[in-house]
Amino acid sequence: MPMMQTNGAGAGDGAAIEVSGIARRFGHRWALRGVSLRVEPGEVAALIGHNGSGKTTLLRVISTAIRPTRGTGRIFGFDLVRDAHRIRELLGVLGHSPGLYGDLTARENLEFAQRMAGATPDRREIESSLEAVGLEREAEEFVRTFSAGMQRRLALARLILRQPRLILLDEPYAAFDADGIERVNALLARHKATGGAAIVATHDLARAEPVVDRVWAIAQGRLIGEDGQEPPLGHEGSTRETIGKEGEKAIR
């Protein structure tokens, strides 16, 4: 896989992610309750928890897709609310839905994505991204014929093309075989080597563990651990030992 360069256009300074007291309410239900965390450039963090724990809601707040009900946050120095448009220029997001067009080929989907980003489609970059995810032979095939795993690979290729500084991945290993999992982790390893940052929201920590530097467990909208934050992984123990017994409960 080629080295992934992070997009510096409009880039701010400071921590990649720094949020404090983030809460989000939907009607009478609080999906997030006072979440505080920090991710530095060059770090990949894992956010683990079962369905409904608040993982996706937190990613949506960080991506500026929704506003927090309470709390503050900055992404590379940009305010989550006031500077939302600047933050979106720095983001690459892979969610549950790949967001592809079935009546376009794999190559046409990537060309369209580049045009939507205000760039002229670059054939060499597109071919490189398709090769990076193992879809170079399927470049001219219609996406409607793709399996779920192939669609996830194409969405990953689109993310590579964007060259973001911050990557947010929501259950990125879903529908992937062993090769696809390795390609996700290779992307993350190369991304942080260039100073980029990422959060991987997953219920399967074992798959992300090879590239993760920091781990939080989330349950009922709250981060588990002292002050809601966990130390970076180190020689003192494995990821599962770091998050402790309460974190283990969150991913069962």
C-alpha atoms as a PDB file:
ATOM      1  CA  MET A   1       0.000   0.000   0.000  1.00  0.00           C
ATOM      2  CA  PRO A   2       1.390   3.458  -0.849  1.00  0.00           C
ATOM      3  CA  MET A   3       2.303   5.870   1.947  1.00  0.00           C
ATOM      4  CA  MET A   4      -0.783   7.890   2.811  1.00  0.00           C
ATOM      5  CA  GLN A   5      -0.093  11.623   2.860  1.00  0.00           C
ATOM      6  CA  THR A   6      -2.253  13.740   5.136  1.00  0.00           C
ATOM      7  CA  ASN A   7      -4.041  16.711   3.652  1.00  0.00           C
ATOM      8  CA  GLY A   8      -2.688  19.890   5.189  1.00  0.00           C
ATOM      9  CA  ALA A   9      -5.122  22.265   3.520  1.00  0.00           C
ATOM     10  CA  GLY A  10      -6.566  24.582   6.179  1.00  0.00           C
ATOM     11  CA  ALA A  11      -4.852  22.561   8.891  1.00  0.00           C
ATOM     12  CA  GLY A  12      -4.872  23.873  12.439  1.00  0.00           C
ATOM     13  CA  ASP A  13      -2.516  23.213  15.327  1.00  0.00           C
ATOM     14  CA  GLY A  14      -2.740  21.394  18.637  1.00  0.00           C
ATOM     15  CA  ALA A  15      -4.190  18.021  19.563  1.00  0.00           C
ATOM     16  CA  ALA A  16      -5.837  16.056  16.798  1.00  0.00           C
ATOM     17  CA  ILE A  17      -8.923  15.662  18.993  1.00  0.00           C
ATOM     18  CA  GLU A  18      -9.643  17.344  22.303  1.00  0.00           C
ATOM     19  CA  VAL A  19     -13.199  17.211  23.632  1.00  0.00           C
ATOM     20  CA  SER A  20     -14.416  18.067  27.120  1.00  0.00           C
ATOM     21  CA  GLY A  21     -17.724  17.292  28.783  1.00  0.00           C
ATOM     22  CA  ILE A  22     -19.431  16.313  25.540  1.00  0.00           C
ATOM     23  CA  ALA A  23     -23.082  15.355  26.011  1.00  0.00           C
ATOM     24  CA  ARG A  24     -25.731  14.688  23.387  1.00  0.00           C
ATOM     25  CA  ARG A  25     -29.449  14.270  23.942  1.00  0.00           C
ATOM     26  CA  PHE A  26     -32.046  12.870  21.569  1.00  0.00           C
ATOM     27  CA  GLY A  27     -35.451  13.778  22.971  1.00  0.00           C
ATOM     28  CA  HIS A  28     -35.435  12.542  26.574  1.00  0.00           C
ATOM     29  CA  ARG A  29     -32.541  10.112  26.022  1.00  0.00           C
ATOM     30  CA  TRP A  30     -28.918  11.039  26.675  1.00  0.00           C
ATOM     31  CA  ALA A  31     -26.725   9.215  24.156  1.00  0.00           C
ATOM     32  CA  LEU A  32     -23.530  10.807  25.509  1.00  0.00           C
ATOM     33  CA  ARG A  33     -22.903  11.914  29.076  1.00  0.00           C
ATOM     34  CA  GLY A  34     -19.896  14.119  29.758  1.00  0.00           C
ATOM     35  CA  VAL A  35     -17.307  12.545  27.459  1.00  0.00           C
ATOM     36  CA  SER A  36     -13.773  13.956  27.593  1.00  0.00           C
ATOM     37  CA  LEU A  37     -10.843  12.604  25.596  1.00  0.00           C
ATOM     38  CA  ARG A  38      -7.721  13.661  23.759  1.00  0.00           C
ATOM     39  CA  VAL A  39      -5.929  12.111  20.775  1.00  0.00           C
ATOM     40  CA  GLU A  40      -2.573  13.409  19.603  1.00  0.00           C
ATOM     41  CA  PRO A  41      -1.242  13.555  16.031  1.00  0.00           C
ATOM     42  CA  GLY A  42       0.376  10.222  15.214  1.00  0.00           C
ATOM     43  CA  GLU A  43      -2.011   8.240  17.437  1.00  0.00           C
ATOM     44  CA  VAL A  44      -4.682   5.673  16.664  1.00  0.00           C
ATOM     45  CA  ALA A  45      -7.273   5.327  19.421  1.00  0.00           C
ATOM     46  CA  ALA A  46      -9.838   2.568  19.812  1.00  0.00           C
ATOM     47  CA  LEU A  47     -13.326   3.197  21.162  1.00  0.00           C
ATOM     48  CA  ILE A  48     -14.920  -0.054  22.250  1.00  0.00           C
ATOM     49  CA  GLY A  49     -18.436  -0.862  23.348  1.00  0.00           C
ATOM     50  CA  HIS A  50     -21.567  -2.770  22.446  1.00  0.00           C
ATOM     51  CA  ASN A  51     -24.308  -1.519  20.125  1.00  0.00           C
ATOM     52  CA  GLY A  52     -26.059   1.509  21.596  1.00  0.00           C
ATOM     53  CA  SER A  53     -23.172   2.404  23.897  1.00  0.00           C
ATOM     54  CA  GLY A  54     -22.602   5.792  22.240  1.00  0.00           C
ATOM     55  CA  LYS A  55     -19.698   5.009  19.887  1.00  0.00           C
ATOM     56  CA  THR A  56     -21.385   6.187  16.691  1.00  0.00           C
ATOM     57  CA  THR A  57     -22.895   9.268  18.338  1.00  0.00           C
ATOM     58  CA  LEU A  58     -19.467  10.359  19.577  1.00  0.00           C
ATOM     59  CA  LEU A  59     -17.974   9.926  16.112  1.00  0.00           C
ATOM     60  CA  ARG A  60     -20.823  11.962  14.626  1.00  0.00           C
ATOM     61  CA  VAL A  61     -20.142  14.784  17.081  1.00  0.00           C
ATOM     62  CA  ILE A  62     -16.400  14.732  16.348  1.00  0.00           C
ATOM     63  CA  SER A  63     -17.096  14.728  12.603  1.00  0.00           C
ATOM     64  CA  THR A  64     -19.436  17.761  13.050  1.00  0.00           C
ATOM     65  CA  ALA A  65     -22.362  15.771  11.604  1.00  0.00           C
ATOM     66  CA  ILE A  66     -24.311  16.679  14.754  1.00  0.00           C
ATOM     67  CA  ARG A  67     -23.764  19.329  17.407  1.00  0.00           C
ATOM     68  CA  PRO A  68     -23.195  18.455  21.046  1.00  0.00           C
ATOM     69  CA  THR A  69     -25.966  19.393  23.448  1.00  0.00           C
ATOM     70  CA  ARG A  70     -23.302  20.343  25.968  1.00  0.00           C
ATOM     71  CA  GLY A  71     -19.529  20.466  26.099  1.00  0.00           C
ATOM     72  CA  THR A  72     -16.729  21.776  23.914  1.00  0.00           C
ATOM     73  CA  GLY A  73     -14.219  20.359  21.502  1.00  0.00           C
ATOM     74  CA  ARG A  74     -11.416  21.147  19.100  1.00  0.00           C
ATOM     75  CA  ILE A  75     -10.039  19.259  16.133  1.00  0.00           C
ATOM     76  CA  PHE A  76      -6.480  20.313  15.284  1.00  0.00           C
ATOM     77  CA  GLY A  77      -7.268  23.580  17.052  1.00  0.00           C
ATOM     78  CA  PHE A  78     -10.568  24.219  15.262  1.00  0.00           C
ATOM     79  CA  ASP A  79     -13.757  24.604  17.313  1.00  0.00           C
ATOM     80  CA  LEU A  80     -16.318  21.837  16.783  1.00  0.00           C
ATOM     81  CA  VAL A  81     -19.191  24.262  16.286  1.00  0.00           C
ATOM     82  CA  ARG A  82     -17.753  27.542  14.985  1.00  0.00           C
ATOM     83  CA  ASP A  83     -15.226  25.937  12.623  1.00  0.00           C
ATOM     84  CA  ALA A  84     -17.219  22.925  11.452  1.00  0.00           C
ATOM     85  CA  HIS A  85     -16.554  23.671   7.774  1.00  0.00           C
ATOM     86  CA  ARG A  86     -12.792  23.798   8.390  1.00  0.00           C
ATOM     87  CA  ILE A  87     -12.860  20.535  10.319  1.00  0.00           C
ATOM     88  CA  ARG A  88     -14.692  18.741   7.518  1.00  0.00           C
ATOM     89  CA  GLU A  89     -11.804  19.558   5.194  1.00  0.00           C
ATOM     90  CA  LEU A  90      -9.502  17.543   7.441  1.00  0.00           C
ATOM     91  CA  LEU A  91     -11.720  14.498   7.943  1.00  0.00           C
ATOM     92  CA  GLY A  92     -12.070  11.107   6.378  1.00  0.00           C
ATOM     93  CA  VAL A  93     -15.010   9.039   7.644  1.00  0.00           C
ATOM     94  CA  LEU A  94     -15.936   5.417   7.046  1.00  0.00           C
ATOM     95  CA  GLY A  95     -19.324   4.643   8.566  1.00  0.00           C
ATOM     96  CA  HIS A  96     -21.722   1.727   8.498  1.00  0.00           C
ATOM     97  CA  SER A  97     -22.941   2.588   4.994  1.00  0.00           C
ATOM     98  CA  PRO A  98     -20.304   2.799   2.244  1.00  0.00           C
ATOM     99  CA  GLY A  99     -22.259   5.579   0.483  1.00  0.00           C
ATOM    100  CA  LEU A 100     -21.479   4.372  -3.041  1.00  0.00           C
ATOM    101  CA  TYR A 101     -23.361   4.600  -6.334  1.00  0.00           C
ATOM    102  CA  GLY A 102     -24.336   1.192  -7.669  1.00  0.00           C
ATOM    103  CA  ASP A 103     -24.833   2.331 -11.273  1.00  0.00           C
ATOM    104  CA  LEU A 104     -21.277   3.684 -11.454  1.00  0.00           C
ATOM    105  CA  THR A 105     -18.138   1.609 -11.776  1.00  0.00           C
ATOM    106  CA  ALA A 106     -15.552   1.504  -9.016  1.00  0.00           C
ATOM    107  CA  ARG A 107     -13.381   3.973 -10.935  1.00  0.00           C
ATOM    108  CA  GLU A 108     -16.323   6.287 -11.651  1.00  0.00           C
ATOM    109  CA  ASN A 109     -17.246   6.336  -7.961  1.00  0.00           C
ATOM    110  CA  LEU A 110     -13.745   7.526  -7.098  1.00  0.00           C
ATOM    111  CA  GLU A 111     -13.709  10.082  -9.924  1.00  0.00           C
ATOM    112  CA  PHE A 112     -17.022  11.446  -8.666  1.00  0.00           C
ATOM    113  CA  ALA A 113     -15.669  11.642  -5.112  1.00  0.00           C
ATOM    114  CA  GLN A 114     -12.687  13.669  -6.306  1.00  0.00           C
ATOM    115  CA  ARG A 115     -14.923  16.063  -8.236  1.00  0.00           C
ATOM    116  CA  MET A 116     -17.167  16.523  -5.195  1.00  0.00           C
ATOM    117  CA  ALA A 117     -14.047  17.425  -3.210  1.00  0.00           C
ATOM    118  CA  GLY A 118     -13.249  20.128  -5.775  1.00  0.00           C
ATOM    119  CA  ALA A 119     -10.372  18.252  -7.385  1.00  0.00           C
ATOM    120  CA  THR A 120      -9.758  17.103 -10.942  1.00  0.00           C
ATOM    121  CA  PRO A 121      -9.872  13.288 -11.079  1.00  0.00           C
ATOM    122  CA  ASP A 122      -6.328  11.922 -11.099  1.00  0.00           C
ATOM    123  CA  ARG A 123      -6.114   8.549 -12.855  1.00  0.00           C
ATOM    124  CA  ARG A 124      -2.803   7.638 -11.248  1.00  0.00           C
ATOM    125  CA  GLU A 125      -4.080   8.375  -7.733  1.00  0.00           C
ATOM    126  CA  ILE A 126      -7.272   6.436  -8.390  1.00  0.00           C
ATOM    127  CA  GLU A 127      -5.383   3.404  -9.677  1.00  0.00           C
ATOM    128  CA  SER A 128      -3.065   3.543  -6.682  1.00  0.00           C
ATOM    129  CA  SER A 129      -5.962   3.651  -4.219  1.00  0.00           C
ATOM    130  CA  LEU A 130      -7.733   0.748  -5.947  1.00  0.00           C
ATOM    131  CA  GLU A 131      -4.545  -1.284  -5.836  1.00  0.00           C
ATOM    132  CA  ALA A 132      -4.112  -0.451  -2.149  1.00  0.00           C
ATOM    133  CA  VAL A 133      -7.450  -2.113  -1.335  1.00  0.00           C
ATOM    134  CA  GLY A 134      -7.116  -4.983  -3.805  1.00  0.00           C
ATOM    135  CA  LEU A 135      -9.716  -3.807  -6.332  1.00  0.00           C
ATOM    136  CA  GLU A 136      -7.518  -2.943  -9.311  1.00  0.00           C
ATOM    137  CA  ARG A 137      -9.047  -5.762 -11.397  1.00  0.00           C
ATOM    138  CA  GLU A 138     -12.591  -4.610 -10.606  1.00  0.00           C
ATOM    139  CA  ALA A 139     -12.047  -0.949 -11.555  1.00  0.00           C
ATOM    140  CA  GLU A 140     -14.495  -1.050 -14.484  1.00  0.00           C
ATOM    141  CA  GLU A 141     -17.170  -3.176 -12.829  1.00  0.00           C
ATOM    142  CA  PHE A 142     -20.459  -1.712 -11.617  1.00  0.00           C
ATOM    143  CA  VAL A 143     -20.612  -1.367  -7.854  1.00  0.00           C
ATOM    144  CA  ARG A 144     -24.093  -2.908  -7.740  1.00  0.00           C
ATOM    145  CA  THR A 145     -22.405  -6.250  -8.522  1.00  0.00           C
ATOM    146  CA  PHE A 146     -19.997  -5.945  -5.578  1.00  0.00           C
ATOM    147  CA  SER A 147     -20.256  -7.958  -2.387  1.00  0.00           C
ATOM    148  CA  ALA A 148     -20.517  -6.114   0.934  1.00  0.00           C
ATOM    149  CA  GLY A 149     -16.809  -6.655   1.510  1.00  0.00           C
ATOM    150  CA  MET A 150     -15.875  -5.274  -1.899  1.00  0.00           C
ATOM    151  CA  GLN A 151     -18.014  -2.192  -1.280  1.00  0.00           C
ATOM    152  CA  ARG A 152     -16.216  -1.620   2.022  1.00  0.00           C
ATOM    153  CA  ARG A 153     -12.899  -1.883   0.188  1.00  0.00           C
ATOM    154  CA  LEU A 154     -14.007   0.723  -2.329  1.00  0.00           C
ATOM    155  CA  ALA A 155     -15.123   3.047   0.459  1.00  0.00           C
ATOM    156  CA  LEU A 156     -11.664   2.584   1.972  1.00  0.00           C
ATOM    157  CA  ALA A 157     -10.083   3.511  -1.385  1.00  0.00           C
ATOM    158  CA  ARG A 158     -12.176   6.688  -1.428  1.00  0.00           C
ATOM    159  CA  LEU A 159     -10.888   7.542   2.047  1.00  0.00           C
ATOM    160  CA  ILE A 160      -7.291   7.053   0.867  1.00  0.00           C
ATOM    161  CA  LEU A 161      -7.913   9.452  -2.016  1.00  0.00           C
ATOM    162  CA  ARG A 162      -9.131  12.126   0.375  1.00  0.00           C
ATOM    163  CA  GLN A 163      -5.818  12.163   2.283  1.00  0.00           C
ATOM    164  CA  PRO A 164      -7.359  13.316   5.579  1.00  0.00           C
ATOM    165  CA  ARG A 165      -5.498  14.334   8.724  1.00  0.00           C
ATOM    166  CA  LEU A 166      -8.098  12.678  10.930  1.00  0.00           C
ATOM    167  CA  ILE A 167      -9.756   9.348  10.166  1.00  0.00           C
ATOM    168  CA  LEU A 168     -12.940   8.201  11.914  1.00  0.00           C
ATOM    169  CA  LEU A 169     -13.823   4.553  11.370  1.00  0.00           C
ATOM    170  CA  ASP A 170     -17.079   3.044  12.628  1.00  0.00           C
ATOM    171  CA  GLU A 171     -16.857  -0.772  12.758  1.00  0.00           C
ATOM    172  CA  PRO A 172     -14.315  -0.761   9.910  1.00  0.00           C
ATOM    173  CA  TYR A 173     -13.707  -4.517  10.008  1.00  0.00           C
ATOM    174  CA  ALA A 174     -17.323  -5.425   9.259  1.00  0.00           C
ATOM    175  CA  ALA A 175     -17.719  -7.621   6.147  1.00  0.00           C
ATOM    176  CA  PHE A 176     -13.943  -7.924   5.717  1.00  0.00           C
ATOM    177  CA  ASP A 177     -11.996 -11.146   5.385  1.00  0.00           C
ATOM    178  CA  ALA A 178      -8.494 -11.548   6.833  1.00  0.00           C
ATOM    179  CA  ASP A 179      -6.914  -9.733   3.890  1.00  0.00           C
ATOM    180  CA  GLY A 180      -9.322  -6.811   4.234  1.00  0.00           C
ATOM    181  CA  ILE A 181      -8.594  -6.515   7.955  1.00  0.00           C
ATOM    182  CA  GLU A 182      -4.870  -6.396   7.237  1.00  0.00           C
ATOM    183  CA  ARG A 183      -5.415  -3.657   4.662  1.00  0.00           C
ATOM    184  CA  VAL A 184      -7.390  -1.528   7.145  1.00  0.00           C
ATOM    185  CA  ASN A 185      -4.609  -1.845   9.699  1.00  0.00           C
ATOM    186  CA  ALA A 186      -1.934  -1.142   7.084  1.00  0.00           C
ATOM    187  CA  LEU A 187      -3.772   2.069   6.189  1.00  0.00           C
ATOM    188  CA  LEU A 188      -3.919   3.101   9.836  1.00  0.00           C
ATOM    189  CA  ALA A 189      -0.243   2.311  10.423  1.00  0.00           C
ATOM    190  CA  ARG A 190       0.840   4.399   7.455  1.00  0.00           C
ATOM    191  CA  HIS A 191      -1.560   7.173   8.361  1.00  0.00           C
ATOM    192  CA  LYS A 192      -0.176   7.657  11.851  1.00  0.00           C
ATOM    193  CA  ALA A 193       3.395   7.398  10.508  1.00  0.00           C
ATOM    194  CA  THR A 194       2.725  10.623   8.577  1.00  0.00           C
ATOM    195  CA  GLY A 195       1.378  12.401  11.672  1.00  0.00           C
ATOM    196  CA  GLY A 196      -2.283  11.664  11.077  1.00  0.00           C
ATOM    197  CA  ALA A 197      -4.680  10.563  13.802  1.00  0.00           C
ATOM    198  CA  ALA A 198      -7.594   8.154  13.928  1.00  0.00           C
ATOM    199  CA  ILE A 199     -10.371   6.780  16.095  1.00  0.00           C
ATOM    200  CA  VAL A 200     -11.565   3.234  15.449  1.00  0.00           C
ATOM    201  CA  ALA A 201     -14.969   2.465  16.969  1.00  0.00           C
ATOM    202  CA  THR A 202     -15.378  -1.283  17.243  1.00  0.00           C
ATOM    203  CA  HIS A 203     -16.809  -4.080  19.343  1.00  0.00           C
ATOM    204  CA  ASP A 204     -13.913  -6.340  18.254  1.00  0.00           C
ATOM    205  CA  LEU A 205     -10.799  -4.912  19.839  1.00  0.00           C
ATOM    206  CA  ALA A 206      -8.566  -7.827  18.873  1.00  0.00           C
ATOM    207  CA  ARG A 207      -8.646  -6.827  15.204  1.00  0.00           C
ATOM    208  CA  ALA A 208      -7.586  -3.244  15.897  1.00  0.00           C
ATOM    209  CA  GLU A 209      -5.057  -4.017  18.613  1.00  0.00           C
ATOM    210  CA  PRO A 210      -1.991  -4.276  16.304  1.00  0.00           C
ATOM    211  CA  VAL A 211      -2.211  -0.554  15.406  1.00  0.00           C
ATOM    212  CA  VAL A 212      -3.887   0.971  18.477  1.00  0.00           C
ATOM    213  CA  ASP A 213      -2.004   3.309  20.828  1.00  0.00           C
ATOM    214  CA  ARG A 214      -4.839   4.253  23.189  1.00  0.00           C
ATOM    215  CA  VAL A 215      -8.095   2.607  24.221  1.00  0.00           C
ATOM    216  CA  TRP A 216     -11.348   3.799  25.741  1.00  0.00           C
ATOM    217  CA  ALA A 217     -14.362   1.695  26.619  1.00  0.00           C
ATOM    218  CA  ILE A 218     -17.764   3.347  26.456  1.00  0.00           C
ATOM    219  CA  ALA A 219     -21.022   2.211  28.033  1.00  0.00           C
ATOM    220  CA  GLN A 220     -24.338   4.067  28.326  1.00  0.00           C
ATOM    221  CA  GLY A 221     -22.749   7.174  26.862  1.00  0.00           C
ATOM    222  CA  ARG A 222     -19.909   7.387  29.392  1.00  0.00           C
ATOM    223  CA  LEU A 223     -16.227   6.594  29.017  1.00  0.00           C
ATOM    224  CA  ILE A 224     -15.034   4.005  31.501  1.00  0.00           C
ATOM    225  CA  GLY A 225     -11.953   4.732  33.565  1.00  0.00           C
ATOM    226  CA  GLU A 226     -10.548   7.397  35.833  1.00  0.00           C
ATOM    227  CA  ASP A 227     -11.528  10.842  34.497  1.00  0.00           C
ATOM    228  CA  GLY A 228     -12.975   9.037  31.481  1.00  0.00           C
ATOM    229  CA  GLN A 229      -9.495   8.585  29.996  1.00  0.00           C
ATOM    230  CA  GLU A 230      -7.163   5.638  29.738  1.00  0.00           C
ATOM    231  CA  PRO A 231      -3.368   5.779  29.397  1.00  0.00           C
ATOM    232  CA  PRO A 232      -1.648   4.906  26.133  1.00  0.00           C
ATOM    233  CA  LEU A 233      -0.763   1.253  25.694  1.00  0.00           C
ATOM    234  CA  GLY A 234       2.639   0.344  27.017  1.00  0.00           C
ATOM    235  CA  HIS A 235       4.733  -2.508  28.271  1.00  0.00           C
ATOM    236  CA  GLU A 236       2.745  -2.674  31.492  1.00  0.00           C
ATOM    237  CA  GLY A 237       0.043  -4.847  29.947  1.00  0.00           C
ATOM    238  CA  SER A 238      -2.189  -5.670  27.041  1.00  0.00           C
ATOM    239  CA  THR A 239      -5.046  -3.549  25.764  1.00  0.00           C
ATOM    240  CA  ARG A 240      -7.624  -5.632  27.611  1.00  0.00           C
ATOM    241  CA  GLU A 241      -5.644  -5.343  30.849  1.00  0.00           C
ATOM    242  CA  THR A 242      -5.407  -1.574  30.381  1.00  0.00           C
ATOM    243  CA  ILE A 243      -9.157  -0.991  30.184  1.00  0.00           C
ATOM    244  CA  GLY A 244      -9.822  -3.187  33.204  1.00  0.00           C
ATOM    245  CA  LYS A 245     -12.822  -5.207  34.283  1.00  0.00           C
ATOM    246  CA  GLU A 246     -15.383  -2.486  33.539  1.00  0.00           C
ATOM    247  CA  GLY A 247     -14.073  -2.113  30.023  1.00  0.00           C
ATOM    248  CA  GLU A 248     -14.330  -5.860  29.509  1.00  0.00           C
ATOM    249  CA  LYS A 249     -18.015  -5.680  30.426  1.00  0.00           C
ATOM    250  CA  ALA A 250     -18.580  -2.972  27.801  1.00  0.00           C
ATOM    251  CA  ILE A 251     -17.452  -5.168  24.926  1.00  0.00           C
ATOM    252  CA  ARG A 252     -19.229  -8.388  25.888  1.00  0.00           C
END
